[in-house]
Amino acid sequence: MKKEYDFSKGVRGKFYGPGIHLNVPIYLDDDIAELVHRYAKRKNVDVQTVVNKLLRRNKEMIQAIQ
């Protein structure tokens, strides 16, 4: 790394936007990813749908016992 960086031409807030929602990448372990991919292919849906359904079920179960 340099000792100093020149930010004189930088623009404050260039990538900021109030209320912006960013999708954070989630990395699954290999065995889980394989299972989800196979299930999604068998059901003819995308992986995101499968993961969301699994997480929703888990969320509902956790909320039920709280």
Protein backbone atom coordinates (compact mmCIF):
# COMPACT_ATOMS: atom_id res chain seq x y z
CA MET A 1 0.00 0.00 0.00
CA LYS A 2 1.06 3.55 -0.59
CA LYS A 3 1.83 5.77 2.39
CA GLU A 4 -0.63 8.36 1.09
CA TYR A 5 -3.47 8.39 -1.41
CA ASP A 6 -4.79 11.40 -3.30
CA PHE A 7 -8.55 11.78 -2.77
CA SER A 8 -8.68 15.36 -4.02
CA LYS A 9 -10.75 14.34 -7.05
CA GLY A 10 -12.98 12.01 -5.06
CA VAL A 11 -16.72 12.59 -4.86
CA ARG A 12 -18.31 12.26 -1.43
CA GLY A 13 -21.40 10.03 -1.44
CA LYS A 14 -21.02 8.99 -5.08
CA PHE A 15 -22.35 5.49 -4.39
CA TYR A 16 -24.62 6.37 -1.47
CA GLY A 17 -28.37 6.39 -1.77
CA PRO A 18 -30.81 6.48 1.14
CA GLY A 19 -32.95 3.39 1.38
CA ILE A 20 -30.85 1.38 -1.06
CA HIS A 21 -30.96 -2.35 -0.35
CA LEU A 22 -27.92 -4.37 -1.37
CA ASN A 23 -28.05 -8.10 -1.94
CA VAL A 24 -25.17 -9.67 -0.07
CA PRO A 25 -23.72 -12.81 -1.61
CA ILE A 26 -24.17 -15.92 0.50
CA TYR A 27 -21.69 -18.75 0.13
CA LEU A 28 -23.00 -22.23 0.86
CA ASP A 29 -20.86 -25.18 1.87
CA ASP A 30 -20.24 -27.54 -1.02
CA ASP A 31 -22.52 -30.31 0.24
CA ILE A 32 -25.42 -27.90 0.86
CA ALA A 33 -24.93 -26.16 -2.49
CA GLU A 34 -24.99 -29.50 -4.29
CA LEU A 35 -28.17 -30.57 -2.51
CA VAL A 36 -29.90 -27.26 -3.26
CA HIS A 37 -28.84 -27.31 -6.92
CA ARG A 38 -30.07 -30.88 -7.41
CA TYR A 39 -33.39 -30.12 -5.72
CA ALA A 40 -33.88 -26.92 -7.74
CA LYS A 41 -33.17 -28.76 -10.98
CA ARG A 42 -35.59 -31.56 -10.08
CA LYS A 43 -38.34 -29.06 -9.19
CA ASN A 44 -37.51 -26.87 -12.21
CA VAL A 45 -37.06 -23.72 -10.10
CA ASP A 46 -34.08 -21.48 -9.50
CA VAL A 47 -31.72 -21.97 -6.57
CA GLN A 48 -32.75 -18.68 -4.98
CA THR A 49 -36.33 -19.92 -4.67
CA VAL A 50 -35.22 -23.12 -2.96
CA VAL A 51 -32.94 -21.31 -0.50
CA ASN A 52 -35.61 -18.73 0.33
CA LYS A 53 -38.19 -21.47 1.00
CA LEU A 54 -35.79 -23.32 3.29
CA LEU A 55 -34.92 -20.17 5.20
CA ARG A 56 -38.58 -19.16 5.52
CA ARG A 57 -39.47 -22.54 7.02
CA ASN A 58 -36.61 -22.23 9.46
CA LYS A 59 -37.66 -18.66 10.31
CA GLU A 60 -41.24 -19.74 10.98
CA MET A 61 -40.06 -22.60 13.20
CA ILE A 62 -37.78 -20.31 15.23
CA GLN A 63 -40.53 -17.69 15.62
CA ALA A 64 -42.98 -20.36 16.77
CA ILE A 65 -40.78 -21.42 19.70
CA GLN A 66 -39.90 -17.91 20.88
